[in-house]
Amino acid sequence: MPGQSQGGFASIGADPDEAERRIQEWAKGFEEKAQRYQAIQAETEQLRLTAASSDGRVKVTVRADGSITDLELTDKVRSMPPSELASQILSTMHKAQSDIAGKVGETMTAHLGDEDRETRAMMLDNLRERFPEQPEDEAPELETSSKWDGPAEEEDHTPPPPAPPAAAPNPPAAPKKKPAFEDEDDDEFGPDFDPLRD
């Protein structure tokens, strides 16, 4: 079907002027769309998304590609264990990254409107997969887990003290001590000692 293989231009018939006008319109539309995509790219490259930890000790800023552009720590982090600080930095970074898909989506909508929905959906799905949304309570859970790592180990070590009562079969070995009625001096003189013997 040659009419369908011409990309819609077969409907204009044999008029070469109409064909040229349609091709120019198509080329112009393509060029305008390319310019809109370039504007989207330029604007997304300027995007900066910032998130702070719940206690304000950590602030992370990321680009639209997820890379970190800025990391701010307050003096309060000096009292934090290194493992807790690392956990808070990571969770704050993930929180900042989780907004990337939404901000890029807003930029694309501003420039494209309802155009190219499938392309936009594919791009945003890819961003959501790379930078998933973080639950509101994820950061506190991370802090809590790191704070309770120490006590959890202590609880694991506390059960051994009740074990000795179960292992108390050792006291029967105590009767091996000499009877109370034996004279303590027997050890000095031996069993054959006779005080009346010369």
C-alpha atoms as a PDB file:
ATOM      1  CA  MET A   1       0.000   0.000   0.000  1.00  0.00           C
ATOM      2  CA  PRO A   2       2.090   2.869  -1.275  1.00  0.00           C
ATOM      3  CA  GLY A   3      -0.294   5.463   0.149  1.00  0.00           C
ATOM      4  CA  GLN A   4       0.477   4.402   3.732  1.00  0.00           C
ATOM      5  CA  SER A   5       4.213   4.064   3.215  1.00  0.00           C
ATOM      6  CA  GLN A   6       4.557   7.731   2.256  1.00  0.00           C
ATOM      7  CA  GLY A   7       3.983   8.881   5.853  1.00  0.00           C
ATOM      8  CA  GLY A   8       0.694  10.621   5.062  1.00  0.00           C
ATOM      9  CA  PHE A   9       2.002  12.608   2.107  1.00  0.00           C
ATOM     10  CA  ALA A  10       0.236  10.451  -0.503  1.00  0.00           C
ATOM     11  CA  SER A  11      -3.074  12.163   0.336  1.00  0.00           C
ATOM     12  CA  ILE A  12      -1.881  15.413  -1.230  1.00  0.00           C
ATOM     13  CA  GLY A  13      -1.996  13.880  -4.703  1.00  0.00           C
ATOM     14  CA  ALA A  14       0.395  14.879  -7.432  1.00  0.00           C
ATOM     15  CA  ASP A  15       0.654  18.566  -6.461  1.00  0.00           C
ATOM     16  CA  PRO A  16       4.388  19.131  -5.905  1.00  0.00           C
ATOM     17  CA  ASP A  17       3.833  22.543  -4.300  1.00  0.00           C
ATOM     18  CA  GLU A  18       1.515  21.017  -1.662  1.00  0.00           C
ATOM     19  CA  ALA A  19       3.983  18.241  -1.028  1.00  0.00           C
ATOM     20  CA  GLU A  20       6.801  20.720  -0.502  1.00  0.00           C
ATOM     21  CA  ARG A  21       4.666  22.810   1.858  1.00  0.00           C
ATOM     22  CA  ARG A  22       3.770  19.727   3.925  1.00  0.00           C
ATOM     23  CA  ILE A  23       7.401  18.646   4.116  1.00  0.00           C
ATOM     24  CA  GLN A  24       8.449  22.120   5.244  1.00  0.00           C
ATOM     25  CA  GLU A  25       5.734  22.130   7.920  1.00  0.00           C
ATOM     26  CA  TRP A  26       6.843  18.712   9.109  1.00  0.00           C
ATOM     27  CA  ALA A  27      10.499  19.818   9.181  1.00  0.00           C
ATOM     28  CA  LYS A  28       9.577  23.017  11.017  1.00  0.00           C
ATOM     29  CA  GLY A  29       7.552  21.064  13.576  1.00  0.00           C
ATOM     30  CA  PHE A  30      10.422  18.649  14.052  1.00  0.00           C
ATOM     31  CA  GLU A  31      12.870  21.526  14.511  1.00  0.00           C
ATOM     32  CA  GLU A  32      10.610  23.219  17.052  1.00  0.00           C
ATOM     33  CA  LYS A  33      10.248  19.965  18.975  1.00  0.00           C
ATOM     34  CA  ALA A  34      14.019  19.516  18.943  1.00  0.00           C
ATOM     35  CA  GLN A  35      14.409  23.043  20.339  1.00  0.00           C
ATOM     36  CA  ARG A  36      11.906  22.248  23.106  1.00  0.00           C
ATOM     37  CA  TYR A  37      13.848  19.117  24.027  1.00  0.00           C
ATOM     38  CA  GLN A  38      17.068  21.132  24.078  1.00  0.00           C
ATOM     39  CA  ALA A  39      15.384  23.643  26.402  1.00  0.00           C
ATOM     40  CA  ILE A  40      14.258  20.775  28.634  1.00  0.00           C
ATOM     41  CA  GLN A  41      17.802  19.407  28.723  1.00  0.00           C
ATOM     42  CA  ALA A  42      19.295  22.805  29.544  1.00  0.00           C
ATOM     43  CA  GLU A  43      16.750  23.409  32.291  1.00  0.00           C
ATOM     44  CA  THR A  44      17.141  19.983  33.864  1.00  0.00           C
ATOM     45  CA  GLU A  45      20.926  20.427  33.909  1.00  0.00           C
ATOM     46  CA  GLN A  46      20.356  23.496  36.083  1.00  0.00           C
ATOM     47  CA  LEU A  47      18.031  21.664  38.486  1.00  0.00           C
ATOM     48  CA  ARG A  48      19.261  21.394  42.079  1.00  0.00           C
ATOM     49  CA  LEU A  49      17.282  19.456  44.673  1.00  0.00           C
ATOM     50  CA  THR A  50      18.070  19.811  48.373  1.00  0.00           C
ATOM     51  CA  ALA A  51      16.954  17.696  51.318  1.00  0.00           C
ATOM     52  CA  ALA A  52      17.762  17.948  55.030  1.00  0.00           C
ATOM     53  CA  SER A  53      17.741  15.301  57.739  1.00  0.00           C
ATOM     54  CA  SER A  54      14.934  15.438  60.295  1.00  0.00           C
ATOM     55  CA  ASP A  55      17.243  16.920  62.961  1.00  0.00           C
ATOM     56  CA  GLY A  56      18.831  19.405  60.519  1.00  0.00           C
ATOM     57  CA  ARG A  57      22.349  18.093  61.028  1.00  0.00           C
ATOM     58  CA  VAL A  58      22.791  16.990  57.407  1.00  0.00           C
ATOM     59  CA  LYS A  59      21.816  18.770  54.172  1.00  0.00           C
ATOM     60  CA  VAL A  60      22.453  17.275  50.720  1.00  0.00           C
ATOM     61  CA  THR A  61      21.988  18.882  47.288  1.00  0.00           C
ATOM     62  CA  VAL A  62      21.892  16.803  44.097  1.00  0.00           C
ATOM     63  CA  ARG A  63      21.644  17.384  40.338  1.00  0.00           C
ATOM     64  CA  ALA A  64      19.007  15.891  38.054  1.00  0.00           C
ATOM     65  CA  ASP A  65      21.399  13.009  37.294  1.00  0.00           C
ATOM     66  CA  GLY A  66      21.563  12.166  41.010  1.00  0.00           C
ATOM     67  CA  SER A  67      25.130  13.339  41.629  1.00  0.00           C
ATOM     68  CA  ILE A  68      25.842  15.365  44.767  1.00  0.00           C
ATOM     69  CA  THR A  69      26.723  19.041  44.317  1.00  0.00           C
ATOM     70  CA  ASP A  70      26.790  20.074  47.968  1.00  0.00           C
ATOM     71  CA  LEU A  71      26.953  18.466  51.424  1.00  0.00           C
ATOM     72  CA  GLU A  72      26.464  20.539  54.570  1.00  0.00           C
ATOM     73  CA  LEU A  73      27.046  19.252  58.112  1.00  0.00           C
ATOM     74  CA  THR A  74      26.405  21.181  61.325  1.00  0.00           C
ATOM     75  CA  ASP A  75      28.721  21.079  64.354  1.00  0.00           C
ATOM     76  CA  LYS A  76      26.294  18.671  66.025  1.00  0.00           C
ATOM     77  CA  VAL A  77      27.560  15.810  63.855  1.00  0.00           C
ATOM     78  CA  ARG A  78      30.746  15.718  65.959  1.00  0.00           C
ATOM     79  CA  SER A  79      28.859  13.894  68.695  1.00  0.00           C
ATOM     80  CA  MET A  80      27.418  11.301  66.295  1.00  0.00           C
ATOM     81  CA  PRO A  81      28.930   7.829  65.841  1.00  0.00           C
ATOM     82  CA  PRO A  82      30.455   7.503  62.352  1.00  0.00           C
ATOM     83  CA  SER A  83      28.019   4.736  61.357  1.00  0.00           C
ATOM     84  CA  GLU A  84      25.022   6.897  62.277  1.00  0.00           C
ATOM     85  CA  LEU A  85      26.435   9.897  60.417  1.00  0.00           C
ATOM     86  CA  ALA A  86      27.042   7.824  57.279  1.00  0.00           C
ATOM     87  CA  SER A  87      23.515   6.411  57.484  1.00  0.00           C
ATOM     88  CA  GLN A  88      22.010   9.881  57.837  1.00  0.00           C
ATOM     89  CA  ILE A  89      24.004  11.258  54.890  1.00  0.00           C
ATOM     90  CA  LEU A  90      22.853   8.388  52.653  1.00  0.00           C
ATOM     91  CA  SER A  91      19.211   8.625  53.680  1.00  0.00           C
ATOM     92  CA  THR A  92      19.212  12.415  53.138  1.00  0.00           C
ATOM     93  CA  MET A  93      20.836  11.970  49.716  1.00  0.00           C
ATOM     94  CA  HIS A  94      18.177   9.409  48.730  1.00  0.00           C
ATOM     95  CA  LYS A  95      15.480  11.802  49.937  1.00  0.00           C
ATOM     96  CA  ALA A  96      16.831  14.557  47.673  1.00  0.00           C
ATOM     97  CA  GLN A  97      17.141  12.164  44.729  1.00  0.00           C
ATOM     98  CA  SER A  98      13.575  10.918  45.165  1.00  0.00           C
ATOM     99  CA  ASP A  99      12.278  14.318  43.919  1.00  0.00           C
ATOM    100  CA  ILE A 100      14.198  14.168  40.632  1.00  0.00           C
ATOM    101  CA  ALA A 101      11.501  12.411  38.585  1.00  0.00           C
ATOM    102  CA  GLY A 102       8.827  14.840  39.779  1.00  0.00           C
ATOM    103  CA  LYS A 103      10.877  17.958  38.965  1.00  0.00           C
ATOM    104  CA  VAL A 104      11.951  16.659  35.549  1.00  0.00           C
ATOM    105  CA  GLY A 105       8.320  15.752  34.842  1.00  0.00           C
ATOM    106  CA  GLU A 106       7.233  19.318  35.665  1.00  0.00           C
ATOM    107  CA  THR A 107       9.906  20.705  33.337  1.00  0.00           C
ATOM    108  CA  MET A 108       8.828  18.424  30.479  1.00  0.00           C
ATOM    109  CA  THR A 109       5.163  19.322  30.955  1.00  0.00           C
ATOM    110  CA  ALA A 110       6.001  23.031  30.870  1.00  0.00           C
ATOM    111  CA  HIS A 111       7.778  22.683  27.516  1.00  0.00           C
ATOM    112  CA  LEU A 112       5.828  19.869  25.832  1.00  0.00           C
ATOM    113  CA  GLY A 113       2.332  20.083  27.277  1.00  0.00           C
ATOM    114  CA  ASP A 114       0.506  16.869  26.322  1.00  0.00           C
ATOM    115  CA  GLU A 115       2.912  16.110  23.500  1.00  0.00           C
ATOM    116  CA  ASP A 116       5.040  12.937  23.429  1.00  0.00           C
ATOM    117  CA  ARG A 117       3.349  11.291  26.420  1.00  0.00           C
ATOM    118  CA  GLU A 118       4.902   7.905  25.725  1.00  0.00           C
ATOM    119  CA  THR A 119       8.448   9.275  25.510  1.00  0.00           C
ATOM    120  CA  ARG A 120       7.923  11.296  28.662  1.00  0.00           C
ATOM    121  CA  ALA A 121       6.454   8.320  30.544  1.00  0.00           C
ATOM    122  CA  MET A 122       9.402   6.147  29.534  1.00  0.00           C
ATOM    123  CA  MET A 123      11.952   8.750  30.677  1.00  0.00           C
ATOM    124  CA  LEU A 124      10.198   9.403  33.990  1.00  0.00           C
ATOM    125  CA  ASP A 125       9.762   5.685  34.700  1.00  0.00           C
ATOM    126  CA  ASN A 126      13.495   5.275  34.211  1.00  0.00           C
ATOM    127  CA  LEU A 127      14.183   8.103  36.672  1.00  0.00           C
ATOM    128  CA  ARG A 128      11.743   6.652  39.240  1.00  0.00           C
ATOM    129  CA  GLU A 129      13.483   3.300  38.958  1.00  0.00           C
ATOM    130  CA  ARG A 130      16.898   4.854  39.513  1.00  0.00           C
ATOM    131  CA  PHE A 131      15.730   7.221  42.260  1.00  0.00           C
ATOM    132  CA  PRO A 132      12.683   5.704  43.991  1.00  0.00           C
ATOM    133  CA  GLU A 133      10.546   7.747  46.331  1.00  0.00           C
ATOM    134  CA  GLN A 134      11.528   7.476  49.977  1.00  0.00           C
ATOM    135  CA  PRO A 135       8.913   6.832  52.670  1.00  0.00           C
ATOM    136  CA  GLU A 136       8.452   9.692  55.117  1.00  0.00           C
ATOM    137  CA  ASP A 137       9.535   7.571  58.091  1.00  0.00           C
ATOM    138  CA  GLU A 138      12.569   5.966  56.455  1.00  0.00           C
ATOM    139  CA  ALA A 139      15.130   8.369  57.905  1.00  0.00           C
ATOM    140  CA  PRO A 140      13.954   7.916  61.528  1.00  0.00           C
ATOM    141  CA  GLU A 141      14.044   4.143  61.059  1.00  0.00           C
ATOM    142  CA  LEU A 142      17.634   4.323  59.880  1.00  0.00           C
ATOM    143  CA  GLU A 143      18.606   6.477  62.859  1.00  0.00           C
ATOM    144  CA  THR A 144      16.778   4.213  65.277  1.00  0.00           C
ATOM    145  CA  SER A 145      18.386   1.061  63.917  1.00  0.00           C
ATOM    146  CA  SER A 146      21.874   2.537  64.261  1.00  0.00           C
ATOM    147  CA  LYS A 147      21.152   3.793  67.787  1.00  0.00           C
ATOM    148  CA  TRP A 148      19.909   0.426  68.925  1.00  0.00           C
ATOM    149  CA  ASP A 149      22.706  -1.652  67.429  1.00  0.00           C
ATOM    150  CA  GLY A 150      24.696  -1.435  70.691  1.00  0.00           C
ATOM    151  CA  PRO A 151      21.922  -2.415  73.138  1.00  0.00           C
ATOM    152  CA  ALA A 152      20.844  -5.273  70.864  1.00  0.00           C
ATOM    153  CA  GLU A 153      24.275  -6.813  71.342  1.00  0.00           C
ATOM    154  CA  GLU A 154      24.029  -6.405  75.111  1.00  0.00           C
ATOM    155  CA  GLU A 155      20.721  -8.215  75.135  1.00  0.00           C
ATOM    156  CA  ASP A 156      22.368 -11.059  73.263  1.00  0.00           C
ATOM    157  CA  HIS A 157      25.042 -11.271  75.979  1.00  0.00           C
ATOM    158  CA  THR A 158      22.650 -11.100  78.915  1.00  0.00           C
ATOM    159  CA  PRO A 159      21.142 -14.610  78.525  1.00  0.00           C
ATOM    160  CA  PRO A 160      24.406 -16.376  79.529  1.00  0.00           C
ATOM    161  CA  PRO A 161      24.092 -15.410  83.250  1.00  0.00           C
ATOM    162  CA  PRO A 162      20.907 -17.540  83.682  1.00  0.00           C
ATOM    163  CA  ALA A 163      22.830 -20.467  82.152  1.00  0.00           C
ATOM    164  CA  PRO A 164      24.940 -21.279  85.258  1.00  0.00           C
ATOM    165  CA  PRO A 165      21.937 -22.567  87.244  1.00  0.00           C
ATOM    166  CA  ALA A 166      21.353 -25.088  84.448  1.00  0.00           C
ATOM    167  CA  ALA A 167      25.030 -26.022  84.511  1.00  0.00           C
ATOM    168  CA  ALA A 168      24.977 -26.483  88.322  1.00  0.00           C
ATOM    169  CA  PRO A 169      25.730 -30.234  88.252  1.00  0.00           C
ATOM    170  CA  ASN A 170      29.235 -29.205  89.409  1.00  0.00           C
ATOM    171  CA  PRO A 171      28.282 -28.856  93.105  1.00  0.00           C
ATOM    172  CA  PRO A 172      28.070 -32.680  93.548  1.00  0.00           C
ATOM    173  CA  ALA A 173      31.822 -32.694  92.974  1.00  0.00           C
ATOM    174  CA  ALA A 174      32.195 -30.728  96.216  1.00  0.00           C
ATOM    175  CA  PRO A 175      31.752 -33.827  98.459  1.00  0.00           C
ATOM    176  CA  LYS A 176      35.253 -34.848  97.391  1.00  0.00           C
ATOM    177  CA  LYS A 177      36.446 -32.569 100.153  1.00  0.00           C
ATOM    178  CA  LYS A 178      37.441 -34.406 103.280  1.00  0.00           C
ATOM    179  CA  PRO A 179      34.738 -34.975 105.889  1.00  0.00           C
ATOM    180  CA  ALA A 180      34.351 -32.425 108.622  1.00  0.00           C
ATOM    181  CA  PHE A 181      35.168 -34.972 111.356  1.00  0.00           C
ATOM    182  CA  GLU A 182      38.692 -35.599 110.068  1.00  0.00           C
ATOM    183  CA  ASP A 183      41.467 -33.872 111.933  1.00  0.00           C
ATOM    184  CA  GLU A 184      43.214 -31.193 109.938  1.00  0.00           C
ATOM    185  CA  ASP A 185      46.581 -32.421 111.332  1.00  0.00           C
ATOM    186  CA  ASP A 186      46.232 -35.760 109.524  1.00  0.00           C
ATOM    187  CA  ASP A 187      47.614 -34.173 106.434  1.00  0.00           C
ATOM    188  CA  GLU A 188      50.782 -33.204 108.284  1.00  0.00           C
ATOM    189  CA  PHE A 189      51.518 -36.623 109.891  1.00  0.00           C
ATOM    190  CA  GLY A 190      50.002 -39.056 107.413  1.00  0.00           C
ATOM    191  CA  PRO A 191      47.534 -41.950 108.002  1.00  0.00           C
ATOM    192  CA  ASP A 192      50.089 -44.198 109.854  1.00  0.00           C
ATOM    193  CA  PHE A 193      50.949 -41.657 112.529  1.00  0.00           C
ATOM    194  CA  ASP A 194      50.715 -43.036 116.114  1.00  0.00           C
ATOM    195  CA  PRO A 195      51.383 -40.551 118.933  1.00  0.00           C
ATOM    196  CA  LEU A 196      52.211 -43.391 121.418  1.00  0.00           C
ATOM    197  CA  ARG A 197      54.843 -44.953 119.185  1.00  0.00           C
ATOM    198  CA  ASP A 198      58.494 -44.016 119.931  1.00  0.00           C
END
